[in-house]
Protein backbone atom coordinates (compact mmCIF):
# COMPACT_ATOMS: atom_id res chain seq x y z
CA MET A 1 41.75 118.48 53.18
CA PRO A 2 42.13 115.29 51.29
CA ALA A 3 42.95 112.31 53.30
CA ARG A 4 45.80 110.88 51.30
CA PHE A 5 46.93 107.71 49.81
CA CYS A 6 50.53 107.46 50.65
CA ASP A 7 50.80 108.33 54.17
CA ALA A 8 53.67 110.20 53.18
CA PRO A 9 52.01 113.29 53.91
CA GLY A 10 48.91 111.53 54.72
CA HIS A 11 47.21 110.02 51.79
CA GLU A 12 43.94 108.35 52.68
CA ARG A 13 43.38 105.81 49.99
CA GLN A 14 40.63 103.28 49.26
CA ALA A 15 41.56 99.61 49.41
CA GLY A 16 43.31 98.56 46.22
CA PRO A 17 43.70 95.21 44.53
CA PHE A 18 47.16 94.81 46.02
CA GLU A 19 45.97 94.98 49.61
CA ALA A 20 46.84 92.08 51.89
CA PRO A 21 45.55 91.24 55.38
CA VAL A 22 46.91 93.71 57.87
CA SER A 23 48.17 91.02 60.20
CA ARG A 24 50.69 89.75 57.63
CA LEU A 25 54.21 91.09 57.41
CA PRO A 26 55.06 92.97 54.19
CA GLU A 27 57.20 91.10 51.70
CA ASP A 28 60.29 93.21 52.37
CA ARG A 29 60.11 92.38 56.09
CA ILE A 30 59.65 88.67 55.28
CA GLN A 31 62.73 88.81 53.06
CA ILE A 32 64.72 90.41 55.87
CA ILE A 33 63.65 87.65 58.26
CA GLU A 34 64.65 85.00 55.70
CA ILE A 35 68.04 86.67 55.24
CA ASP A 36 68.55 86.71 59.01
CA GLN A 37 67.72 83.01 59.18
CA VAL A 38 70.27 82.22 56.46
CA ARG A 39 72.82 84.37 58.29
CA GLU A 40 72.20 82.45 61.50
CA GLU A 41 72.69 79.13 59.71
CA ASN A 42 75.93 80.34 58.09
CA LEU A 43 77.28 81.66 61.37
CA SER A 44 76.41 78.42 63.13
CA THR A 45 78.19 76.45 60.41
CA LEU A 46 81.25 78.71 60.69
CA ALA A 47 81.27 78.34 64.45
CA GLY A 48 81.14 74.55 64.12
CA MET A 49 84.03 74.56 61.66
CA ILE A 50 86.14 76.73 63.97
CA ALA A 51 85.36 74.55 66.97
CA GLY A 52 86.26 71.43 64.98
CA PHE A 53 89.55 72.96 63.87
CA VAL A 54 90.39 73.88 67.46
CA PHE A 55 89.71 70.30 68.56
CA HIS A 56 91.94 68.97 65.78
CA LEU A 57 94.81 71.26 66.84
CA GLN A 58 94.43 70.19 70.44
CA TYR A 59 94.49 66.55 69.35
CA LEU A 60 97.71 67.13 67.43
CA SER A 61 99.38 68.75 70.43
CA VAL A 62 98.48 65.86 72.73
CA GLU A 63 98.51 62.76 70.52
CA SER A 64 101.13 63.77 67.95
CA PRO A 65 103.97 65.57 69.72
CA LEU A 66 106.26 64.78 66.79
CA HIS A 67 104.37 67.42 64.82
CA MET A 68 105.40 69.98 67.38
CA GLN A 69 109.14 70.55 67.04
CA ASN A 70 109.70 72.86 70.01
CA ARG A 71 108.09 74.73 72.91
CA CYS A 72 107.56 77.82 70.77
CA SER A 73 105.39 75.87 68.37
CA CYS A 74 103.34 74.58 71.30
CA ARG A 75 102.84 78.07 72.66
CA ILE A 76 101.77 79.33 69.23
CA LEU A 77 99.36 76.41 68.94
CA SER A 78 97.90 77.15 72.36
CA ALA A 79 97.42 80.82 71.54
CA LEU A 80 95.87 80.00 68.15
CA SER A 81 93.50 77.52 69.75
CA SER A 82 92.36 80.10 72.31
CA LEU A 83 91.82 82.71 69.60
CA LEU A 84 89.79 80.37 67.40
CA LEU A 85 87.73 79.24 70.38
CA PHE A 86 86.99 82.89 71.17
CA LEU A 87 85.90 83.49 67.55
CA ALA A 88 83.66 80.46 67.73
CA THR A 89 81.99 81.87 70.83
CA LEU A 90 81.42 85.19 69.09
CA SER A 91 79.96 83.41 66.07
CA PHE A 92 77.50 81.49 68.23
CA SER A 93 76.52 84.71 69.95
CA ALA A 94 75.96 86.51 66.65
CA ALA A 95 73.95 83.61 65.28
CA GLY A 96 71.56 83.85 68.20
CA SER A 97 71.19 87.63 67.96
CA PRO A 98 70.24 88.76 64.44
CA GLU A 99 69.30 92.27 65.65
CA THR A 100 72.84 93.63 65.78
CA SER A 101 71.57 97.21 66.16
CA ALA A 102 70.29 96.55 69.69
CA GLU A 103 72.80 99.04 71.09
CA LYS A 104 71.26 101.81 68.97
CA PRO A 105 67.45 102.08 68.93
CA VAL A 106 65.68 101.85 65.60
CA PHE A 107 62.87 104.04 64.23
CA ARG A 108 60.97 102.27 61.45
CA PHE A 109 59.59 105.08 59.30
CA ASN A 110 56.96 104.57 56.60
CA ILE A 111 57.80 106.28 53.32
CA SER A 112 55.03 104.51 51.33
CA PRO A 113 55.56 102.47 48.16
CA ASN A 114 55.47 105.49 45.84
CA GLY A 115 56.58 108.28 48.15
CA TYR A 116 55.09 111.75 47.94
CA PRO A 117 57.57 114.18 46.31
CA PRO A 118 58.95 116.44 47.52
CA TYR A 119 58.03 115.30 51.04
CA LEU A 120 59.15 111.72 50.42
CA ILE A 121 61.11 110.66 47.34
CA VAL A 122 61.63 106.94 46.81
CA ASP A 123 62.64 106.64 43.14
CA GLN A 124 66.33 107.03 43.89
CA LYS A 125 68.97 104.77 45.44
CA ASN A 126 68.34 106.23 48.89
CA PRO A 127 65.18 107.87 50.26
CA SER A 128 65.08 111.65 50.36
CA GLY A 129 62.58 114.47 50.61
CA ILE A 130 61.59 117.05 53.21
CA MET A 131 60.12 114.64 55.74
CA TRP A 132 62.89 112.09 55.30
CA ASP A 133 65.61 114.71 55.73
CA VAL A 134 64.00 116.18 58.85
CA VAL A 135 63.23 112.84 60.50
CA SER A 136 66.70 111.49 59.72
CA ALA A 137 68.44 114.56 61.13
CA VAL A 138 66.36 114.66 64.30
CA ALA A 139 66.49 110.90 64.90
CA GLN A 140 70.26 110.86 64.51
CA ARG A 141 70.63 113.51 67.20
CA MET A 142 68.37 111.44 69.42
CA GLY A 143 70.55 108.37 68.90
CA TYR A 144 68.19 106.48 66.59
CA THR A 145 68.82 104.66 63.34
CA VAL A 146 66.04 105.35 60.80
CA ILE A 147 64.89 102.40 58.68
CA ALA A 148 62.65 103.14 55.70
CA GLU A 149 59.56 100.95 55.27
CA GLN A 150 57.27 101.09 52.21
CA ILE A 151 53.77 100.25 53.45
CA PRO A 152 50.52 100.73 51.47
CA ARG A 153 48.20 103.26 53.08
CA LYS A 154 45.44 100.85 54.10
CA ARG A 155 47.89 98.79 56.17
CA VAL A 156 49.73 101.62 57.90
CA ASP A 157 47.52 102.27 60.93
CA GLU A 158 47.34 98.65 62.05
CA MET A 159 51.04 98.09 61.41
CA ILE A 160 51.86 101.03 63.67
CA LEU A 161 49.54 99.76 66.39
CA GLN A 162 50.98 96.25 66.11
CA GLY A 163 54.56 97.52 66.24
CA TYR A 164 55.73 96.52 62.77
CA ILE A 165 56.51 100.19 62.02
CA ASP A 166 56.92 103.08 64.43
CA GLY A 167 55.73 106.18 62.60
CA THR A 168 54.40 107.74 59.41
CA PRO A 169 53.83 111.26 58.09
CA ARG A 170 50.24 112.29 58.69
CA ALA A 171 48.13 115.33 59.44
CA ARG A 172 45.93 114.77 62.47
CA GLU A 173 42.93 115.82 60.40
CA TRP A 174 43.56 113.02 57.89
CA ALA A 175 43.57 110.18 60.42
CA ASP A 176 40.54 107.90 60.56
CA ASP A 177 40.86 107.53 64.34
CA PRO A 178 43.35 110.14 65.60
CA GLU A 179 42.65 109.32 69.26
CA GLN A 180 44.45 106.00 68.82
CA PHE A 181 47.73 107.72 67.98
CA LEU A 182 50.23 110.29 69.16
CA PHE A 183 51.18 113.23 66.93
CA THR A 184 54.27 115.41 66.97
CA ASP A 185 54.28 119.14 66.31
CA PRO A 186 53.83 120.06 62.62
CA VAL A 187 56.97 119.65 60.55
CA VAL A 188 55.65 121.53 57.52
CA ASP A 189 52.34 123.02 56.39
CA ILE A 190 50.22 121.52 53.63
CA ASP A 191 48.15 123.84 51.39
CA GLU A 192 45.72 122.44 48.84
CA VAL A 193 45.26 124.85 45.93
CA PHE A 194 43.98 124.84 42.36
CA PHE A 195 46.31 124.63 39.36
CA VAL A 196 44.84 125.91 36.08
CA PRO A 197 46.14 126.43 32.54
CA ALA A 198 48.01 129.71 32.20
CA GLY A 199 45.83 132.51 30.88
CA SER A 200 42.56 130.65 31.50
CA GLY A 201 41.17 133.46 33.65
CA PHE A 202 40.20 131.00 36.38
CA SER A 203 39.87 132.41 39.90
CA TYR A 204 38.83 130.77 43.14
CA GLU A 205 37.39 132.36 46.26
CA SER A 206 34.85 129.75 47.37
CA PRO A 207 33.42 126.41 46.16
CA GLU A 208 30.63 128.36 44.45
CA ASP A 209 33.21 129.41 41.85
CA LEU A 210 33.48 125.76 40.79
CA ILE A 211 29.80 125.15 40.06
CA SER A 212 29.39 123.21 36.78
CA LYS A 213 33.18 122.82 36.43
CA THR A 214 35.23 119.61 36.35
CA VAL A 215 38.12 119.30 38.78
CA VAL A 216 40.87 116.72 38.34
CA THR A 217 41.47 115.01 41.67
CA HIS A 218 43.61 112.20 43.02
CA LEU A 219 42.01 108.78 43.16
CA GLY A 220 40.93 107.94 46.71
CA TYR A 221 41.46 111.41 48.18
CA ARG A 222 38.75 113.13 50.16
CA TYR A 223 38.28 116.89 49.94
CA PRO A 224 36.03 117.83 52.89
CA LEU A 225 35.24 121.33 51.65
CA LEU A 226 34.20 120.08 48.22
CA GLU A 227 32.60 116.74 49.11
CA PRO A 228 29.02 118.08 49.45
CA TYR A 229 29.28 119.63 45.99
CA PHE A 230 30.65 116.42 44.52
CA ALA A 231 27.84 114.42 46.12
CA GLU A 232 25.17 116.69 44.67
CA GLY A 233 26.80 116.81 41.25
CA LYS A 234 27.27 120.56 41.36
CA ILE A 235 31.01 120.10 40.87
CA ARG A 236 32.33 117.16 38.86
CA ARG A 237 35.48 115.33 39.88
CA PHE A 238 37.71 113.28 37.61
CA ASP A 239 40.04 110.89 39.44
CA VAL A 240 43.55 109.91 38.37
CA SER A 241 45.99 107.67 40.19
CA ARG A 242 49.18 109.75 39.95
CA ASP A 243 49.76 113.36 40.89
CA ARG A 244 51.68 114.24 37.73
CA ASP A 245 48.84 112.90 35.57
CA MET A 246 46.51 115.50 37.05
CA PHE A 247 48.43 118.24 35.30
CA THR A 248 48.58 116.37 32.00
CA PHE A 249 44.80 115.99 31.90
CA VAL A 250 44.18 119.65 32.75
CA LEU A 251 46.69 120.88 30.19
CA HIS A 252 45.60 118.67 27.29
CA GLY A 253 41.97 117.81 28.06
CA ASP A 254 39.20 120.09 26.81
CA ARG A 255 36.73 119.21 29.55
CA PHE A 256 38.92 119.76 32.61
CA ASP A 257 39.06 123.13 34.35
CA ALA A 258 41.50 122.74 37.25
CA ALA A 259 43.58 120.29 39.25
CA VAL A 260 43.68 120.36 43.03
CA ALA A 261 46.97 119.50 44.71
CA ASP A 262 49.27 120.56 47.51
CA ARG A 263 51.03 123.77 46.53
CA LEU A 264 54.54 122.46 47.08
CA VAL A 265 53.79 119.11 45.42
CA GLY A 266 52.37 120.88 42.37
CA LYS A 267 55.32 123.22 42.07
CA TRP A 268 57.71 120.27 42.36
CA ILE A 269 55.96 118.38 39.56
CA LEU A 270 55.72 121.39 37.25
CA ARG A 271 59.38 122.23 37.75
CA ASN A 272 60.55 118.67 37.06
CA GLU A 273 58.23 118.27 34.06
CA GLY A 274 59.17 121.65 32.58
CA LEU A 275 55.58 122.91 32.84
CA ARG A 276 55.94 125.79 35.28
CA GLU A 277 55.06 128.42 32.66
CA SER A 278 52.05 126.43 31.51
CA PHE A 279 50.06 126.78 34.75
CA ASP A 280 48.72 129.47 37.06
CA ILE A 281 48.28 128.75 40.75
CA ALA A 282 45.27 130.03 42.69
CA SER A 283 46.25 132.12 45.70
CA GLN A 284 43.33 130.93 47.82
CA SER A 285 43.75 127.47 49.34
CA ILE A 286 40.92 125.09 50.09
CA SER A 287 42.61 123.70 53.23
CA HIS A 288 45.63 124.23 55.45
CA TYR A 289 46.95 121.51 57.77
CA GLY A 290 50.17 120.65 59.56
CA LEU A 291 52.07 117.55 58.44
CA ARG A 292 53.32 115.67 61.50
CA LEU A 293 54.66 112.31 62.58
CA MET A 294 51.97 109.90 63.71
CA LEU A 295 53.23 107.46 66.34
CA ARG A 296 51.97 104.90 68.82
CA LYS A 297 50.99 106.38 72.14
CA ASP A 298 53.84 104.60 73.94
CA TRP A 299 56.31 106.74 71.97
CA GLU A 300 55.61 109.81 74.07
CA SER A 301 59.25 110.25 75.11
CA PHE A 302 60.35 110.09 71.47
CA ALA A 303 57.70 112.66 70.48
CA THR A 304 58.74 115.04 73.26
CA ASN A 305 62.40 114.93 72.26
CA PHE A 306 61.51 115.11 68.58
CA ASN A 307 59.51 118.30 69.19
CA LYS A 308 62.43 119.87 71.05
CA GLU A 309 64.87 119.12 68.23
CA LEU A 310 62.36 120.25 65.62
CA ALA A 311 61.84 123.57 67.41
CA GLN A 312 65.59 124.11 67.40
CA MET A 313 65.75 123.35 63.65
CA LYS A 314 63.05 125.93 63.03
CA GLU A 315 64.79 128.51 65.18
CA ASN A 316 68.29 128.13 63.74
CA GLY A 317 67.13 128.06 60.11
CA GLU A 318 68.02 124.44 59.46
CA LEU A 319 64.44 123.54 58.52
CA ASP A 320 64.24 126.46 56.09
CA ALA A 321 67.44 125.24 54.45
CA ILE A 322 65.93 121.78 53.95
CA LEU A 323 62.76 123.27 52.49
CA ALA A 324 64.81 125.42 50.13
CA ASN A 325 66.39 122.29 48.65
CA TYR A 326 63.00 121.17 47.36
CA ARG A 327 61.41 124.43 46.21
């Protein structure tokens, strides 16, 4: 099964020109930190202004009694001073504690820069997709707030280990070093199949059926079953960088015989591109893996509770309802 690029369901991708050292925070996290610093400065300034105003009121009450016409005014002034002093204290406290969600634990979930429809969809105002919907529903029941992070594949593993993010979609079989991580139960199954032009007469039972043919593949993916044939030149592969482009090349290119993609991903693309009638789908898959959450090993309690909630979703039909939204 291909190790994928997006770590949305587990893309294993070669290092690209945009890669940065793993130890550096992503730009979106840096921006968040800068925003928090500005917020702290603003809150500190506000607190100082409130404290100064309180001091001025107290000065008026002591040094300028003529400004206070009666006892009622003095009482009001005293109450107002106490209230403003309390607000100043709160402002100082907030300025020193930018993580206001400390009362509710956070799960930082990688959805990758480009997503992986229909498992992860990132080209809308808010994230969506099968994995996002499931993780959000389960995490909410567990008392977590889910924060979406868009991390390039080559940085994901180290950023999980270093604690910058907490989890990512991944099949155990796609991980470079699965023993370093903790995996939940499978959320959904991934099936890699061949998509061919309608009426082409193409059929697939084993890799031998692909001898001398050209298969359109995703740039950077590995296909364990086919790799020996690629290496020997018995089967030719043609790489493209986007899933939807695979279908364009097969449909309009004379020298391409089939595209290999996850069954659900392919159906999603064909439906949204209006190409469903233009392709046949091979019934035989070349691989079958479970898509899970990959976590740090110290998230064992989270994984245990996640598996319990996931099992309940499967039993009561809630997971099937989510899947139906994207089929």
